[in-house]
């Protein structure tokens, strides 16, 4: 049930990420149209999510993921 809601949110998430990252890239970095770039990223992202959702490997507990995220944030906070 929860996976269905997550999958339906993917296009919105991809659009937000794309909008957040693309303006920060140097102008000469983008060599294809934003529409083509977005479509390619969307296809890649969907494939990654589908592969993860189909995985039979055990999941990582929420607390462990949050601890890893906090460690990454702390590591980058001092930069």
N, C-alpha and C. Protein backbone atom coordinates (compact mmCIF):
# COMPACT_ATOMS: atom_id res chain seq x y z
N UNK A 1 0.82 -1.19 0.00
CA UNK A 1 0.00 0.00 0.00
C UNK A 1 0.87 1.25 0.00
N UNK A 2 1.85 1.31 0.85
CA UNK A 2 2.70 2.47 0.96
C UNK A 2 3.56 2.65 -0.30
N UNK A 3 3.99 1.54 -0.90
CA UNK A 3 4.81 1.63 -2.10
C UNK A 3 4.07 2.30 -3.24
N UNK A 4 2.78 2.08 -3.36
CA UNK A 4 1.99 2.71 -4.41
C UNK A 4 1.98 4.21 -4.27
N UNK A 5 1.82 4.69 -3.05
CA UNK A 5 1.83 6.14 -2.82
C UNK A 5 3.20 6.71 -3.13
N UNK A 6 4.25 5.99 -2.77
CA UNK A 6 5.61 6.46 -3.04
C UNK A 6 5.85 6.53 -4.53
N UNK A 7 5.46 5.50 -5.25
CA UNK A 7 5.68 5.48 -6.70
C UNK A 7 4.94 6.61 -7.38
N UNK A 8 3.74 6.95 -6.91
CA UNK A 8 2.99 8.03 -7.55
C UNK A 8 3.62 9.39 -7.27
N UNK A 9 4.42 9.51 -6.24
CA UNK A 9 5.08 10.78 -5.92
C UNK A 9 6.39 10.96 -6.66
N UNK A 10 6.90 9.91 -7.30
CA UNK A 10 8.21 9.99 -7.93
C UNK A 10 8.34 11.09 -8.99
N UNK A 11 7.38 11.28 -9.87
CA UNK A 11 7.54 12.36 -10.85
C UNK A 11 7.68 13.73 -10.20
N UNK A 12 6.93 13.97 -9.13
CA UNK A 12 7.04 15.26 -8.43
C UNK A 12 8.40 15.40 -7.77
N UNK A 13 8.88 14.33 -7.16
CA UNK A 13 10.18 14.36 -6.50
C UNK A 13 11.28 14.60 -7.53
N UNK A 14 11.22 13.89 -8.66
CA UNK A 14 12.22 14.07 -9.70
C UNK A 14 12.22 15.50 -10.22
N UNK A 15 11.05 16.09 -10.39
CA UNK A 15 10.96 17.46 -10.88
C UNK A 15 11.58 18.44 -9.89
N UNK A 16 11.33 18.23 -8.61
CA UNK A 16 11.90 19.10 -7.58
C UNK A 16 13.42 18.99 -7.58
N UNK A 17 13.92 17.76 -7.62
CA UNK A 17 15.37 17.56 -7.65
C UNK A 17 16.00 18.19 -8.88
N UNK A 18 15.36 18.01 -10.02
CA UNK A 18 15.86 18.57 -11.27
C UNK A 18 15.91 20.09 -11.17
N UNK A 19 14.84 20.70 -10.69
CA UNK A 19 14.78 22.16 -10.57
C UNK A 19 15.82 22.68 -9.58
N UNK A 20 16.14 21.89 -8.56
CA UNK A 20 17.10 22.32 -7.55
C UNK A 20 18.53 22.23 -8.06
N UNK A 21 18.82 21.25 -8.90
CA UNK A 21 20.19 21.00 -9.33
C UNK A 21 20.55 21.74 -10.62
N UNK A 22 19.67 21.71 -11.59
CA UNK A 22 20.01 22.24 -12.91
C UNK A 22 20.44 23.71 -12.92
N UNK A 23 19.78 24.62 -12.19
CA UNK A 23 20.22 26.01 -12.24
C UNK A 23 21.61 26.22 -11.67
N UNK A 24 22.11 25.30 -10.86
CA UNK A 24 23.41 25.46 -10.23
C UNK A 24 24.57 24.98 -11.11
N UNK A 25 24.25 24.27 -12.19
CA UNK A 25 25.29 23.77 -13.08
C UNK A 25 25.79 24.89 -13.99
N UNK A 26 27.08 24.90 -14.32
CA UNK A 26 27.58 25.88 -15.28
C UNK A 26 26.83 25.73 -16.61
N UNK A 27 26.62 26.85 -17.30
CA UNK A 27 25.82 26.84 -18.52
C UNK A 27 26.36 25.87 -19.56
N UNK A 28 27.66 25.72 -19.67
CA UNK A 28 28.22 24.84 -20.70
C UNK A 28 28.12 23.36 -20.33
N UNK A 29 27.64 23.05 -19.14
CA UNK A 29 27.48 21.66 -18.72
C UNK A 29 26.26 21.03 -19.40
N UNK A 30 25.22 21.79 -19.58
CA UNK A 30 23.98 21.27 -20.14
C UNK A 30 24.06 21.34 -21.66
N UNK A 31 24.16 20.16 -22.29
CA UNK A 31 24.30 20.13 -23.74
C UNK A 31 23.08 19.57 -24.45
N UNK A 32 22.08 19.14 -23.69
CA UNK A 32 20.83 18.65 -24.26
C UNK A 32 19.70 19.52 -23.72
N UNK A 33 18.56 19.45 -24.36
CA UNK A 33 17.44 20.28 -23.90
C UNK A 33 17.00 19.82 -22.50
N UNK A 34 16.51 20.75 -21.71
CA UNK A 34 16.04 20.37 -20.37
C UNK A 34 14.97 19.28 -20.42
N UNK A 35 14.13 19.30 -21.45
CA UNK A 35 13.08 18.27 -21.55
C UNK A 35 13.71 16.88 -21.75
N UNK A 36 14.70 16.78 -22.65
CA UNK A 36 15.37 15.50 -22.88
C UNK A 36 16.11 15.04 -21.62
N UNK A 37 16.75 15.98 -20.98
CA UNK A 37 17.49 15.67 -19.75
C UNK A 37 16.53 15.17 -18.67
N UNK A 38 15.41 15.84 -18.53
CA UNK A 38 14.43 15.44 -17.51
C UNK A 38 13.85 14.06 -17.83
N UNK A 39 13.58 13.80 -19.09
CA UNK A 39 13.03 12.49 -19.48
C UNK A 39 14.04 11.38 -19.22
N UNK A 40 15.30 11.63 -19.52
CA UNK A 40 16.34 10.63 -19.28
C UNK A 40 16.51 10.38 -17.78
N UNK A 41 16.52 11.45 -17.01
CA UNK A 41 16.66 11.30 -15.56
C UNK A 41 15.46 10.56 -14.99
N UNK A 42 14.26 10.91 -15.45
CA UNK A 42 13.05 10.26 -14.97
C UNK A 42 13.10 8.76 -15.25
N UNK A 43 13.52 8.38 -16.45
CA UNK A 43 13.61 6.96 -16.79
C UNK A 43 14.63 6.24 -15.91
N UNK A 44 15.78 6.88 -15.70
CA UNK A 44 16.83 6.30 -14.86
C UNK A 44 16.33 6.14 -13.42
N UNK A 45 15.71 7.21 -12.91
CA UNK A 45 15.24 7.21 -11.52
C UNK A 45 14.16 6.16 -11.31
N UNK A 46 13.22 6.06 -12.24
CA UNK A 46 12.15 5.07 -12.15
C UNK A 46 12.72 3.64 -12.15
N UNK A 47 13.72 3.40 -13.01
CA UNK A 47 14.33 2.07 -13.07
C UNK A 47 15.00 1.73 -11.74
N UNK A 48 15.68 2.71 -11.15
CA UNK A 48 16.34 2.47 -9.85
C UNK A 48 15.31 2.15 -8.77
N UNK A 49 14.22 2.90 -8.74
CA UNK A 49 13.18 2.69 -7.73
C UNK A 49 12.51 1.34 -7.94
N UNK A 50 12.18 1.01 -9.18
CA UNK A 50 11.54 -0.28 -9.46
C UNK A 50 12.44 -1.44 -9.05
N UNK A 51 13.73 -1.31 -9.33
CA UNK A 51 14.68 -2.36 -8.95
C UNK A 51 14.72 -2.50 -7.43
N UNK A 52 14.75 -1.38 -6.73
CA UNK A 52 14.79 -1.42 -5.26
C UNK A 52 13.51 -2.02 -4.69
N UNK A 53 12.38 -1.66 -5.29
CA UNK A 53 11.10 -2.18 -4.79
C UNK A 53 10.96 -3.67 -5.04
N UNK A 54 11.59 -4.17 -6.11
CA UNK A 54 11.51 -5.60 -6.43
C UNK A 54 12.54 -6.42 -5.67
N UNK A 55 13.47 -5.75 -5.02
CA UNK A 55 14.54 -6.43 -4.31
C UNK A 55 14.00 -7.31 -3.19
N UNK A 56 14.62 -8.47 -3.03
CA UNK A 56 14.25 -9.37 -1.93
C UNK A 56 15.23 -9.26 -0.77
N UNK A 57 16.20 -8.35 -0.90
CA UNK A 57 17.15 -8.15 0.19
C UNK A 57 16.43 -7.49 1.36
N UNK A 58 16.90 -7.76 2.58
CA UNK A 58 16.25 -7.14 3.74
C UNK A 58 16.43 -5.62 3.71
N UNK A 59 15.43 -4.92 4.19
CA UNK A 59 15.49 -3.47 4.24
C UNK A 59 16.39 -2.99 5.36
N UNK A 60 16.70 -1.72 5.34
CA UNK A 60 17.51 -1.12 6.40
C UNK A 60 16.54 -0.45 7.37
N UNK A 61 16.67 -0.73 8.67
CA UNK A 61 15.76 -0.11 9.64
C UNK A 61 15.84 1.42 9.59
N UNK A 62 14.72 2.05 9.82
CA UNK A 62 14.61 3.51 9.77
C UNK A 62 15.65 4.19 10.65
N UNK A 63 15.82 3.68 11.86
CA UNK A 63 16.76 4.29 12.79
C UNK A 63 18.18 4.27 12.23
N UNK A 64 18.55 3.20 11.55
CA UNK A 64 19.88 3.07 10.97
C UNK A 64 20.07 4.06 9.82
N UNK A 65 19.06 4.19 8.98
CA UNK A 65 19.12 5.14 7.88
C UNK A 65 19.25 6.56 8.41
N UNK A 66 18.47 6.90 9.42
CA UNK A 66 18.53 8.24 9.98
C UNK A 66 19.89 8.52 10.61
N UNK A 67 20.47 7.52 11.26
CA UNK A 67 21.81 7.70 11.84
C UNK A 67 22.84 7.96 10.74
N UNK A 68 22.73 7.23 9.63
CA UNK A 68 23.65 7.46 8.51
C UNK A 68 23.45 8.86 7.93
N UNK A 69 22.21 9.29 7.80
CA UNK A 69 21.92 10.62 7.26
C UNK A 69 22.48 11.70 8.19
N UNK A 70 22.28 11.54 9.48
CA UNK A 70 22.81 12.53 10.43
C UNK A 70 24.34 12.59 10.35
N UNK A 71 24.99 11.45 10.20
CA UNK A 71 26.45 11.42 10.09
C UNK A 71 26.92 12.17 8.83
N UNK A 72 26.22 12.00 7.74
CA UNK A 72 26.57 12.70 6.49
C UNK A 72 26.38 14.21 6.68
N UNK A 73 25.28 14.60 7.28
CA UNK A 73 25.01 16.03 7.51
C UNK A 73 26.09 16.63 8.40
N UNK A 74 26.43 15.95 9.47
CA UNK A 74 27.47 16.45 10.38
C UNK A 74 28.81 16.56 9.69
N UNK A 75 29.12 15.59 8.83
CA UNK A 75 30.39 15.61 8.12
C UNK A 75 30.48 16.82 7.19
N UNK A 76 29.36 17.22 6.61
CA UNK A 76 29.36 18.33 5.67
C UNK A 76 29.05 19.67 6.31
N UNK A 77 28.60 19.66 7.52
CA UNK A 77 28.21 20.90 8.19
C UNK A 77 29.40 21.84 8.39
N UNK A 78 30.56 21.31 8.64
CA UNK A 78 31.74 22.13 8.92
C UNK A 78 32.41 22.69 7.68
N UNK A 79 31.96 22.34 6.50
CA UNK A 79 32.64 22.80 5.27
C UNK A 79 32.35 24.23 4.96
